[in-house]
């Protein structure tokens, strides 16, 4: 079993020469970063039973483990991941402050600039510009904006919660415009850093209903064998005993009512009259010979 214990330097009390007061020296060498799955699972269990994780993770070590794994993918420590990642509508998402902090710390990001024009009015427009280094040593600027008009078109402006409570779009509308512009700019400019994680403030306004993107299933056409089985299931009235037919789809053979056999479209039609076919000599209830030219009305007339 892997040992999860860490080397911890004890708190050291030292008397400073200047003031004579006691000074608590910080611990060194302590880390909660796991080195294998067993350690990660034990840390997840420990944190899920603590008061230092968001409510959504309390008592859910499996969710803690998943959040820590997502965090490791983008460079967050376990505790940072649990504080910065939330599951919104089934999608792992980063809070806006964690998102911008993560991106700003990346070596290729030069700057992130955010502005709001006409703040506090129905003409407000929030903008976010992300400047990154390019592989050839140059700079690339990604600018995205989100306005009150955009929020109205998206059904977000003055949006109420499902229980009629005010949402941040009513209590903090300018902040929400800022978050939308930030989300668009950072996700477009830094997809390689975020690795598909959405932003909480953006994802929370997405529809919670699952959308079925699979086309409606279309029942496949019946095979010859399925048609044969359906015909077999049809009872043959006693009066029609003479009007039975032997049909064969190549895999199954059965005796079925002649009219049912006629609708099966399995090979040649069946002789339904009381006399043999004058062309192929097939008897009543038997299928016409495959070489029979065109059994039909002329055969019926001949019968």
C-alpha atoms as a PDB file:
ATOM      1  CA  UNK A   1       0.000   0.000   0.000  1.00  0.00           C
ATOM      2  CA  UNK A   2       1.277   3.431  -0.900  1.00  0.00           C
ATOM      3  CA  UNK A   3       2.151   5.636   2.055  1.00  0.00           C
ATOM      4  CA  UNK A   4       0.310   8.970   1.958  1.00  0.00           C
ATOM      5  CA  UNK A   5       2.250  10.469   4.813  1.00  0.00           C
ATOM      6  CA  UNK A   6       4.273  13.584   4.126  1.00  0.00           C
ATOM      7  CA  UNK A   7       7.309  14.982   5.794  1.00  0.00           C
ATOM      8  CA  UNK A   8       6.125  17.911   7.840  1.00  0.00           C
ATOM      9  CA  UNK A   9       8.446  20.359   9.511  1.00  0.00           C
ATOM     10  CA  UNK A  10       7.071  21.186  12.960  1.00  0.00           C
ATOM     11  CA  UNK A  11       6.104  24.708  13.912  1.00  0.00           C
ATOM     12  CA  UNK A  12       9.180  26.282  15.415  1.00  0.00           C
ATOM     13  CA  UNK A  13       8.989  28.938  18.054  1.00  0.00           C
ATOM     14  CA  UNK A  14      11.826  31.393  17.801  1.00  0.00           C
ATOM     15  CA  UNK A  15      12.503  34.516  19.765  1.00  0.00           C
ATOM     16  CA  UNK A  16      13.437  37.410  17.565  1.00  0.00           C
ATOM     17  CA  UNK A  17      16.422  39.355  18.715  1.00  0.00           C
ATOM     18  CA  UNK A  18      14.847  42.719  17.844  1.00  0.00           C
ATOM     19  CA  UNK A  19      11.467  42.516  19.585  1.00  0.00           C
ATOM     20  CA  UNK A  20      11.840  39.593  21.913  1.00  0.00           C
ATOM     21  CA  UNK A  21       8.424  38.331  20.676  1.00  0.00           C
ATOM     22  CA  UNK A  22       7.721  34.751  19.684  1.00  0.00           C
ATOM     23  CA  UNK A  23       7.587  34.141  15.936  1.00  0.00           C
ATOM     24  CA  UNK A  24       5.810  31.153  14.355  1.00  0.00           C
ATOM     25  CA  UNK A  25       7.858  29.802  11.481  1.00  0.00           C
ATOM     26  CA  UNK A  26       5.849  28.311   8.562  1.00  0.00           C
ATOM     27  CA  UNK A  27       5.921  24.605   7.730  1.00  0.00           C
ATOM     28  CA  UNK A  28       7.885  23.457   4.711  1.00  0.00           C
ATOM     29  CA  UNK A  29       7.759  20.297   2.619  1.00  0.00           C
ATOM     30  CA  UNK A  30       3.977  19.794   2.874  1.00  0.00           C
ATOM     31  CA  UNK A  31       1.914  19.033  -0.220  1.00  0.00           C
ATOM     32  CA  UNK A  32      -1.450  17.455  -1.045  1.00  0.00           C
ATOM     33  CA  UNK A  33      -0.515  16.664  -4.637  1.00  0.00           C
ATOM     34  CA  UNK A  34      -0.961  12.881  -5.118  1.00  0.00           C
ATOM     35  CA  UNK A  35       1.559  10.798  -7.016  1.00  0.00           C
ATOM     36  CA  UNK A  36      -0.710   7.855  -7.859  1.00  0.00           C
ATOM     37  CA  UNK A  37      -4.381   6.885  -7.993  1.00  0.00           C
ATOM     38  CA  UNK A  38      -4.466   5.415  -4.490  1.00  0.00           C
ATOM     39  CA  UNK A  39      -3.193   8.634  -2.979  1.00  0.00           C
ATOM     40  CA  UNK A  40      -5.645  10.677  -5.064  1.00  0.00           C
ATOM     41  CA  UNK A  41      -8.553   8.539  -3.854  1.00  0.00           C
ATOM     42  CA  UNK A  42      -7.517   8.823  -0.211  1.00  0.00           C
ATOM     43  CA  UNK A  43      -7.194  12.588  -0.533  1.00  0.00           C
ATOM     44  CA  UNK A  44     -10.624  12.722  -2.187  1.00  0.00           C
ATOM     45  CA  UNK A  45     -12.188  10.785   0.683  1.00  0.00           C
ATOM     46  CA  UNK A  46     -10.522  12.970   3.259  1.00  0.00           C
ATOM     47  CA  UNK A  47     -11.567  16.248   1.613  1.00  0.00           C
ATOM     48  CA  UNK A  48     -15.122  15.053   0.910  1.00  0.00           C
ATOM     49  CA  UNK A  49     -15.572  14.576   4.646  1.00  0.00           C
ATOM     50  CA  UNK A  50     -14.190  17.986   5.549  1.00  0.00           C
ATOM     51  CA  UNK A  51     -15.681  21.463   5.704  1.00  0.00           C
ATOM     52  CA  UNK A  52     -13.070  22.859   3.321  1.00  0.00           C
ATOM     53  CA  UNK A  53     -14.771  21.933   0.057  1.00  0.00           C
ATOM     54  CA  UNK A  54     -17.829  23.517  -1.590  1.00  0.00           C
ATOM     55  CA  UNK A  55     -21.197  22.065  -0.643  1.00  0.00           C
ATOM     56  CA  UNK A  56     -21.517  20.236  -3.947  1.00  0.00           C
ATOM     57  CA  UNK A  57     -18.471  18.103  -3.110  1.00  0.00           C
ATOM     58  CA  UNK A  58     -19.304  17.269   0.516  1.00  0.00           C
ATOM     59  CA  UNK A  59     -19.747  13.529   0.945  1.00  0.00           C
ATOM     60  CA  UNK A  60     -18.893  12.858  -2.707  1.00  0.00           C
ATOM     61  CA  UNK A  61     -15.310  11.596  -2.924  1.00  0.00           C
ATOM     62  CA  UNK A  62     -15.839  10.410  -6.496  1.00  0.00           C
ATOM     63  CA  UNK A  63     -16.745  13.962  -7.573  1.00  0.00           C
ATOM     64  CA  UNK A  64     -13.759  15.312  -5.656  1.00  0.00           C
ATOM     65  CA  UNK A  65     -11.515  12.868  -7.495  1.00  0.00           C
ATOM     66  CA  UNK A  66     -12.944  13.870 -10.881  1.00  0.00           C
ATOM     67  CA  UNK A  67     -12.498  17.585 -10.112  1.00  0.00           C
ATOM     68  CA  UNK A  68      -8.921  16.980  -8.987  1.00  0.00           C
ATOM     69  CA  UNK A  69      -8.239  15.074 -12.209  1.00  0.00           C
ATOM     70  CA  UNK A  70      -9.638  17.908 -14.322  1.00  0.00           C
ATOM     71  CA  UNK A  71      -7.606  20.380 -12.302  1.00  0.00           C
ATOM     72  CA  UNK A  72      -4.419  18.371 -12.843  1.00  0.00           C
ATOM     73  CA  UNK A  73      -5.036  18.536 -16.599  1.00  0.00           C
ATOM     74  CA  UNK A  74      -4.897  22.339 -16.550  1.00  0.00           C
ATOM     75  CA  UNK A  75      -2.306  22.815 -13.825  1.00  0.00           C
ATOM     76  CA  UNK A  76      -4.411  23.322 -10.680  1.00  0.00           C
ATOM     77  CA  UNK A  77      -3.548  21.745  -7.343  1.00  0.00           C
ATOM     78  CA  UNK A  78      -6.227  19.532  -5.728  1.00  0.00           C
ATOM     79  CA  UNK A  79      -7.449  22.274  -3.398  1.00  0.00           C
ATOM     80  CA  UNK A  80      -7.468  24.863  -6.194  1.00  0.00           C
ATOM     81  CA  UNK A  81      -9.435  22.491  -8.393  1.00  0.00           C
ATOM     82  CA  UNK A  82     -12.065  21.825  -5.729  1.00  0.00           C
ATOM     83  CA  UNK A  83     -12.515  25.533  -5.088  1.00  0.00           C
ATOM     84  CA  UNK A  84     -12.435  26.617  -8.731  1.00  0.00           C
ATOM     85  CA  UNK A  85     -14.294  23.829 -10.566  1.00  0.00           C
ATOM     86  CA  UNK A  86     -18.039  23.226 -10.422  1.00  0.00           C
ATOM     87  CA  UNK A  87     -20.314  20.804 -12.281  1.00  0.00           C
ATOM     88  CA  UNK A  88     -22.968  22.838 -14.099  1.00  0.00           C
ATOM     89  CA  UNK A  89     -25.594  20.931 -16.092  1.00  0.00           C
ATOM     90  CA  UNK A  90     -23.283  17.941 -16.153  1.00  0.00           C
ATOM     91  CA  UNK A  91     -20.295  19.872 -17.529  1.00  0.00           C
ATOM     92  CA  UNK A  92     -17.131  20.658 -15.533  1.00  0.00           C
ATOM     93  CA  UNK A  93     -16.730  24.436 -15.472  1.00  0.00           C
ATOM     94  CA  UNK A  94     -14.333  26.991 -13.995  1.00  0.00           C
ATOM     95  CA  UNK A  95     -15.407  30.028 -12.019  1.00  0.00           C
ATOM     96  CA  UNK A  96     -14.552  33.260 -13.799  1.00  0.00           C
ATOM     97  CA  UNK A  97     -11.911  34.361 -11.299  1.00  0.00           C
ATOM     98  CA  UNK A  98     -10.171  30.967 -11.406  1.00  0.00           C
ATOM     99  CA  UNK A  99     -10.323  30.997 -15.199  1.00  0.00           C
ATOM    100  CA  UNK A 100      -8.683  34.388 -15.630  1.00  0.00           C
ATOM    101  CA  UNK A 101      -6.114  33.622 -12.913  1.00  0.00           C
ATOM    102  CA  UNK A 102      -5.132  30.378 -14.613  1.00  0.00           C
ATOM    103  CA  UNK A 103      -4.791  32.030 -18.014  1.00  0.00           C
ATOM    104  CA  UNK A 104      -2.862  35.039 -16.737  1.00  0.00           C
ATOM    105  CA  UNK A 105      -0.320  32.724 -15.129  1.00  0.00           C
ATOM    106  CA  UNK A 106       0.421  30.973 -18.425  1.00  0.00           C
ATOM    107  CA  UNK A 107       3.773  31.801 -19.989  1.00  0.00           C
ATOM    108  CA  UNK A 108       2.291  32.620 -23.420  1.00  0.00           C
ATOM    109  CA  UNK A 109      -0.314  35.090 -22.183  1.00  0.00           C
ATOM    110  CA  UNK A 110       0.947  38.660 -22.251  1.00  0.00           C
ATOM    111  CA  UNK A 111      -2.118  40.491 -20.966  1.00  0.00           C
ATOM    112  CA  UNK A 112      -5.888  40.405 -20.487  1.00  0.00           C
ATOM    113  CA  UNK A 113      -7.743  43.710 -20.659  1.00  0.00           C
ATOM    114  CA  UNK A 114     -11.415  44.188 -19.753  1.00  0.00           C
ATOM    115  CA  UNK A 115     -13.597  47.271 -20.237  1.00  0.00           C
ATOM    116  CA  UNK A 116     -17.294  48.223 -20.054  1.00  0.00           C
ATOM    117  CA  UNK A 117     -18.610  51.099 -22.136  1.00  0.00           C
ATOM    118  CA  UNK A 118     -21.794  52.992 -21.236  1.00  0.00           C
ATOM    119  CA  UNK A 119     -21.861  51.157 -17.915  1.00  0.00           C
ATOM    120  CA  UNK A 120     -25.149  51.177 -16.045  1.00  0.00           C
ATOM    121  CA  UNK A 121     -27.237  51.839 -19.167  1.00  0.00           C
ATOM    122  CA  UNK A 122     -29.147  49.777 -21.727  1.00  0.00           C
ATOM    123  CA  UNK A 123     -26.333  50.532 -24.173  1.00  0.00           C
ATOM    124  CA  UNK A 124     -23.630  48.900 -22.076  1.00  0.00           C
ATOM    125  CA  UNK A 125     -21.021  46.842 -23.925  1.00  0.00           C
ATOM    126  CA  UNK A 126     -18.434  44.715 -22.119  1.00  0.00           C
ATOM    127  CA  UNK A 127     -15.214  43.830 -23.931  1.00  0.00           C
ATOM    128  CA  UNK A 128     -12.273  41.570 -23.204  1.00  0.00           C
ATOM    129  CA  UNK A 129      -8.980  41.461 -25.112  1.00  0.00           C
ATOM    130  CA  UNK A 130      -6.483  38.627 -24.669  1.00  0.00           C
ATOM    131  CA  UNK A 131      -2.942  39.121 -25.987  1.00  0.00           C
ATOM    132  CA  UNK A 132      -0.769  36.013 -26.460  1.00  0.00           C
ATOM    133  CA  UNK A 133       2.663  35.288 -27.815  1.00  0.00           C
ATOM    134  CA  UNK A 134       2.789  33.478 -31.128  1.00  0.00           C
ATOM    135  CA  UNK A 135       5.236  30.757 -32.109  1.00  0.00           C
ATOM    136  CA  UNK A 136       7.127  33.174 -34.378  1.00  0.00           C
ATOM    137  CA  UNK A 137       7.688  35.663 -31.570  1.00  0.00           C
ATOM    138  CA  UNK A 138       4.839  37.975 -32.480  1.00  0.00           C
ATOM    139  CA  UNK A 139       1.598  38.844 -30.713  1.00  0.00           C
ATOM    140  CA  UNK A 140      -1.996  37.796 -31.288  1.00  0.00           C
ATOM    141  CA  UNK A 141      -4.927  39.742 -29.880  1.00  0.00           C
ATOM    142  CA  UNK A 142      -8.360  38.156 -29.422  1.00  0.00           C
ATOM    143  CA  UNK A 143     -11.131  40.694 -28.738  1.00  0.00           C
ATOM    144  CA  UNK A 144     -14.667  39.704 -27.817  1.00  0.00           C
ATOM    145  CA  UNK A 145     -17.638  41.832 -26.688  1.00  0.00           C
ATOM    146  CA  UNK A 146     -21.033  41.217 -25.143  1.00  0.00           C
ATOM    147  CA  UNK A 147     -23.709  43.913 -25.007  1.00  0.00           C
ATOM    148  CA  UNK A 148     -27.104  44.448 -23.434  1.00  0.00           C
ATOM    149  CA  UNK A 149     -28.607  43.790 -26.860  1.00  0.00           C
ATOM    150  CA  UNK A 150     -26.769  40.444 -26.979  1.00  0.00           C
ATOM    151  CA  UNK A 151     -28.145  39.580 -23.542  1.00  0.00           C
ATOM    152  CA  UNK A 152     -31.683  40.466 -24.636  1.00  0.00           C
ATOM    153  CA  UNK A 153     -31.436  38.308 -27.745  1.00  0.00           C
ATOM    154  CA  UNK A 154     -30.197  35.414 -25.615  1.00  0.00           C
ATOM    155  CA  UNK A 155     -33.071  35.843 -23.141  1.00  0.00           C
ATOM    156  CA  UNK A 156     -30.690  36.736 -20.310  1.00  0.00           C
ATOM    157  CA  UNK A 157     -31.499  40.377 -19.609  1.00  0.00           C
ATOM    158  CA  UNK A 158     -33.720  40.704 -16.496  1.00  0.00           C
ATOM    159  CA  UNK A 159     -33.795  36.915 -16.306  1.00  0.00           C
ATOM    160  CA  UNK A 160     -35.653  35.348 -13.377  1.00  0.00           C
ATOM    161  CA  UNK A 161     -34.733  32.101 -11.660  1.00  0.00           C
ATOM    162  CA  UNK A 162     -36.863  28.959 -11.903  1.00  0.00           C
ATOM    163  CA  UNK A 163     -38.515  29.835  -8.576  1.00  0.00           C
ATOM    164  CA  UNK A 164     -39.056  33.483  -9.482  1.00  0.00           C
ATOM    165  CA  UNK A 165     -35.996  34.720  -7.589  1.00  0.00           C
ATOM    166  CA  UNK A 166     -33.749  37.390  -9.052  1.00  0.00           C
ATOM    167  CA  UNK A 167     -30.705  36.084 -10.915  1.00  0.00           C
ATOM    168  CA  UNK A 168     -27.356  37.912 -11.166  1.00  0.00           C
ATOM    169  CA  UNK A 169     -28.643  39.275 -14.496  1.00  0.00           C
ATOM    170  CA  UNK A 170     -30.954  41.449 -12.370  1.00  0.00           C
ATOM    171  CA  UNK A 171     -28.810  42.088  -9.308  1.00  0.00           C
ATOM    172  CA  UNK A 172     -25.397  42.433 -11.045  1.00  0.00           C
ATOM    173  CA  UNK A 173     -26.059  42.927 -14.782  1.00  0.00           C
ATOM    174  CA  UNK A 174     -22.790  44.725 -15.578  1.00  0.00           C
ATOM    175  CA  UNK A 175     -20.787  41.979 -13.898  1.00  0.00           C
ATOM    176  CA  UNK A 176     -22.598  39.356 -15.958  1.00  0.00           C
ATOM    177  CA  UNK A 177     -21.858  41.241 -19.184  1.00  0.00           C
ATOM    178  CA  UNK A 178     -18.202  41.286 -18.149  1.00  0.00           C
ATOM    179  CA  UNK A 179     -18.231  37.536 -17.471  1.00  0.00           C
ATOM    180  CA  UNK A 180     -19.761  36.789 -20.871  1.00  0.00           C
ATOM    181  CA  UNK A 181     -17.184  38.861 -22.727  1.00  0.00           C
ATOM    182  CA  UNK A 182     -14.423  37.252 -20.646  1.00  0.00           C
ATOM    183  CA  UNK A 183     -15.693  33.768 -21.326  1.00  0.00           C
ATOM    184  CA  UNK A 184     -15.870  34.289 -25.076  1.00  0.00           C
ATOM    185  CA  UNK A 185     -12.431  35.913 -25.333  1.00  0.00           C
ATOM    186  CA  UNK A 186     -10.543  33.555 -23.026  1.00  0.00           C
ATOM    187  CA  UNK A 187     -12.098  30.377 -24.389  1.00  0.00           C
ATOM    188  CA  UNK A 188     -11.438  31.439 -27.976  1.00  0.00           C
ATOM    189  CA  UNK A 189      -7.880  32.598 -27.321  1.00  0.00           C
ATOM    190  CA  UNK A 190      -6.811  29.941 -24.813  1.00  0.00           C
ATOM    191  CA  UNK A 191      -8.571  26.721 -25.724  1.00  0.00           C
ATOM    192  CA  UNK A 192      -5.247  24.887 -25.395  1.00  0.00           C
ATOM    193  CA  UNK A 193      -4.936  26.055 -21.782  1.00  0.00           C
ATOM    194  CA  UNK A 194      -8.524  25.391 -20.687  1.00  0.00           C
ATOM    195  CA  UNK A 195      -8.769  22.037 -22.484  1.00  0.00           C
ATOM    196  CA  UNK A 196     -12.520  22.231 -22.986  1.00  0.00           C
ATOM    197  CA  UNK A 197     -13.566  23.516 -19.554  1.00  0.00           C
ATOM    198  CA  UNK A 198     -16.434  25.995 -19.704  1.00  0.00           C
ATOM    199  CA  UNK A 199     -16.975  29.010 -17.437  1.00  0.00           C
ATOM    200  CA  UNK A 200     -19.484  28.683 -14.581  1.00  0.00           C
ATOM    201  CA  UNK A 201     -21.059  32.112 -15.107  1.00  0.00           C
ATOM    202  CA  UNK A 202     -21.700  31.215 -18.729  1.00  0.00           C
ATOM    203  CA  UNK A 203     -22.652  27.557 -18.364  1.00  0.00           C
ATOM    204  CA  UNK A 204     -25.174  28.241 -15.600  1.00  0.00           C
ATOM    205  CA  UNK A 205     -27.419  29.992 -18.133  1.00  0.00           C
ATOM    206  CA  UNK A 206     -27.374  27.050 -20.531  1.00  0.00           C
ATOM    207  CA  UNK A 207     -30.493  24.867 -20.776  1.00  0.00           C
ATOM    208  CA  UNK A 208     -30.440  22.134 -18.149  1.00  0.00           C
ATOM    209  CA  UNK A 209     -32.559  19.740 -20.213  1.00  0.00           C
ATOM    210  CA  UNK A 210     -30.668  17.075 -22.071  1.00  0.00           C
ATOM    211  CA  UNK A 211     -30.989  17.421 -25.826  1.00  0.00           C
ATOM    212  CA  UNK A 212     -31.296  14.238 -27.855  1.00  0.00           C
ATOM    213  CA  UNK A 213     -29.129  14.751 -30.921  1.00  0.00           C
ATOM    214  CA  UNK A 214     -29.732  11.219 -32.193  1.00  0.00           C
ATOM    215  CA  UNK A 215     -32.158  11.092 -35.139  1.00  0.00           C
ATOM    216  CA  UNK A 216     -35.459   9.379 -34.473  1.00  0.00           C
ATOM    217  CA  UNK A 217     -35.025   5.677 -34.931  1.00  0.00           C
ATOM    218  CA  UNK A 218     -36.639   4.313 -38.087  1.00  0.00           C
ATOM    219  CA  UNK A 219     -37.822   0.730 -37.937  1.00  0.00           C
ATOM    220  CA  UNK A 220     -35.832  -1.320 -40.451  1.00  0.00           C
ATOM    221  CA  UNK A 221     -37.835  -3.070 -43.171  1.00  0.00           C
ATOM    222  CA  UNK A 222     -38.945  -6.593 -42.361  1.00  0.00           C
ATOM    223  CA  UNK A 223     -36.738  -9.349 -43.620  1.00  0.00           C
ATOM    224  CA  UNK A 224     -38.154 -12.263 -45.539  1.00  0.00           C
ATOM    225  CA  UNK A 225     -37.873 -14.438 -42.435  1.00  0.00           C
ATOM    226  CA  UNK A 226     -39.742 -11.869 -40.313  1.00  0.00           C
ATOM    227  CA  UNK A 227     -42.507 -11.690 -42.913  1.00  0.00           C
ATOM    228  CA  UNK A 228     -42.706 -15.467 -42.918  1.00  0.00           C
ATOM    229  CA  UNK A 229     -42.997 -15.628 -39.123  1.00  0.00           C
ATOM    230  CA  UNK A 230     -45.762 -13.034 -39.147  1.00  0.00           C
ATOM    231  CA  UNK A 231     -47.654 -15.032 -41.759  1.00  0.00           C
ATOM    232  CA  UNK A 232     -47.273 -18.238 -39.765  1.00  0.00           C
ATOM    233  CA  UNK A 233     -48.835 -16.517 -36.773  1.00  0.00           C
ATOM    234  CA  UNK A 234     -51.993 -15.824 -38.776  1.00  0.00           C
ATOM    235  CA  UNK A 235     -54.558 -18.579 -38.094  1.00  0.00           C
ATOM    236  CA  UNK A 236     -55.930 -20.598 -41.004  1.00  0.00           C
ATOM    237  CA  UNK A 237     -59.735 -20.908 -40.910  1.00  0.00           C
ATOM    238  CA  UNK A 238     -61.007 -24.494 -41.271  1.00  0.00           C
ATOM    239  CA  UNK A 239     -62.889 -23.561 -44.454  1.00  0.00           C
ATOM    240  CA  UNK A 240     -59.660 -22.416 -46.048  1.00  0.00           C
ATOM    241  CA  UNK A 241     -57.646 -25.564 -45.381  1.00  0.00           C
ATOM    242  CA  UNK A 242     -57.472 -26.147 -49.114  1.00  0.00           C
ATOM    243  CA  UNK A 243     -56.195 -22.649 -49.709  1.00  0.00           C
ATOM    244  CA  UNK A 244     -52.910 -23.082 -47.861  1.00  0.00           C
ATOM    245  CA  UNK A 245     -49.514 -22.529 -49.383  1.00  0.00           C
ATOM    246  CA  UNK A 246     -45.996 -23.683 -48.761  1.00  0.00           C
ATOM    247  CA  UNK A 247     -43.609 -20.725 -48.732  1.00  0.00           C
ATOM    248  CA  UNK A 248     -39.859 -20.796 -48.393  1.00  0.00           C
ATOM    249  CA  UNK A 249     -37.640 -17.755 -47.826  1.00  0.00           C
ATOM    250  CA  UNK A 250     -34.446 -19.757 -48.154  1.00  0.00           C
ATOM    251  CA  UNK A 251     -34.007 -20.191 -44.421  1.00  0.00           C
ATOM    252  CA  UNK A 252     -37.454 -21.168 -43.173  1.00  0.00           C
ATOM    253  CA  UNK A 253     -40.359 -23.138 -44.605  1.00  0.00           C
ATOM    254  CA  UNK A 254     -43.935 -22.895 -43.362  1.00  0.00           C
ATOM    255  CA  UNK A 255     -47.511 -23.553 -44.300  1.00  0.00           C
ATOM    256  CA  UNK A 256     -49.494 -20.317 -44.242  1.00  0.00           C
ATOM    257  CA  UNK A 257     -52.836 -19.039 -45.529  1.00  0.00           C
ATOM    258  CA  UNK A 258     -52.676 -18.567 -49.257  1.00  0.00           C
ATOM    259  CA  UNK A 259     -53.717 -14.896 -49.092  1.00  0.00           C
ATOM    260  CA  UNK A 260     -51.011 -14.238 -46.514  1.00  0.00           C
ATOM    261  CA  UNK A 261     -48.436 -15.985 -48.671  1.00  0.00           C
ATOM    262  CA  UNK A 262     -49.536 -13.823 -51.573  1.00  0.00           C
ATOM    263  CA  UNK A 263     -48.614 -10.670 -49.570  1.00  0.00           C
ATOM    264  CA  UNK A 264     -45.261 -11.956 -48.397  1.00  0.00           C
ATOM    265  CA  UNK A 265     -43.597 -11.252 -51.703  1.00  0.00           C
ATOM    266  CA  UNK A 266     -41.308 -14.227 -51.116  1.00  0.00           C
ATOM    267  CA  UNK A 267     -40.269 -15.555 -54.505  1.00  0.00           C
ATOM    268  CA  UNK A 268     -43.073 -16.229 -56.969  1.00  0.00           C
ATOM    269  CA  UNK A 269     -46.790 -15.632 -56.180  1.00  0.00           C
ATOM    270  CA  UNK A 270     -48.921 -18.520 -54.936  1.00  0.00           C
ATOM    271  CA  UNK A 271     -51.621 -20.262 -56.963  1.00  0.00           C
ATOM    272  CA  UNK A 272     -54.849 -19.211 -55.231  1.00  0.00           C
ATOM    273  CA  UNK A 273     -57.378 -20.724 -57.593  1.00  0.00           C
ATOM    274  CA  UNK A 274     -58.870 -24.209 -57.557  1.00  0.00           C
ATOM    275  CA  UNK A 275     -57.004 -25.433 -60.616  1.00  0.00           C
ATOM    276  CA  UNK A 276     -53.308 -25.829 -61.382  1.00  0.00           C
ATOM    277  CA  UNK A 277     -51.525 -23.013 -63.186  1.00  0.00           C
ATOM    278  CA  UNK A 278     -51.856 -23.696 -66.939  1.00  0.00           C
ATOM    279  CA  UNK A 279     -48.411 -22.183 -67.519  1.00  0.00           C
ATOM    280  CA  UNK A 280     -46.145 -23.772 -64.918  1.00  0.00           C
ATOM    281  CA  UNK A 281     -48.530 -26.516 -63.726  1.00  0.00           C
ATOM    282  CA  UNK A 282     -48.167 -25.443 -60.070  1.00  0.00           C
ATOM    283  CA  UNK A 283     -50.994 -26.863 -57.968  1.00  0.00           C
ATOM    284  CA  UNK A 284     -53.378 -24.725 -55.890  1.00  0.00           C
ATOM    285  CA  UNK A 285     -51.619 -23.498 -52.756  1.00  0.00           C
ATOM    286  CA  UNK A 286     -48.169 -23.888 -54.327  1.00  0.00           C
ATOM    287  CA  UNK A 287     -45.898 -21.120 -55.516  1.00  0.00           C
ATOM    288  CA  UNK A 288     -45.636 -20.520 -59.235  1.00  0.00           C
ATOM    289  CA  UNK A 289     -42.442 -21.761 -60.820  1.00  0.00           C
ATOM    290  CA  UNK A 290     -39.737 -19.104 -60.972  1.00  0.00           C
ATOM    291  CA  UNK A 291     -39.838 -19.377 -64.769  1.00  0.00           C
ATOM    292  CA  UNK A 292     -43.595 -18.756 -64.912  1.00  0.00           C
ATOM    293  CA  UNK A 293     -43.823 -15.723 -67.249  1.00  0.00           C
ATOM    294  CA  UNK A 294     -46.356 -13.463 -65.508  1.00  0.00           C
ATOM    295  CA  UNK A 295     -48.790 -15.167 -63.182  1.00  0.00           C
ATOM    296  CA  UNK A 296     -51.667 -12.895 -62.365  1.00  0.00           C
ATOM    297  CA  UNK A 297     -54.949 -11.975 -63.982  1.00  0.00           C
ATOM    298  CA  UNK A 298     -54.432 -14.256 -66.954  1.00  0.00           C
ATOM    299  CA  UNK A 299     -53.851 -17.161 -64.608  1.00  0.00           C
ATOM    300  CA  UNK A 300     -56.924 -16.257 -62.596  1.00  0.00           C
ATOM    301  CA  UNK A 301     -58.933 -16.118 -65.779  1.00  0.00           C
ATOM    302  CA  UNK A 302     -57.558 -19.438 -66.894  1.00  0.00           C
ATOM    303  CA  UNK A 303     -58.576 -20.916 -63.579  1.00  0.00           C
END
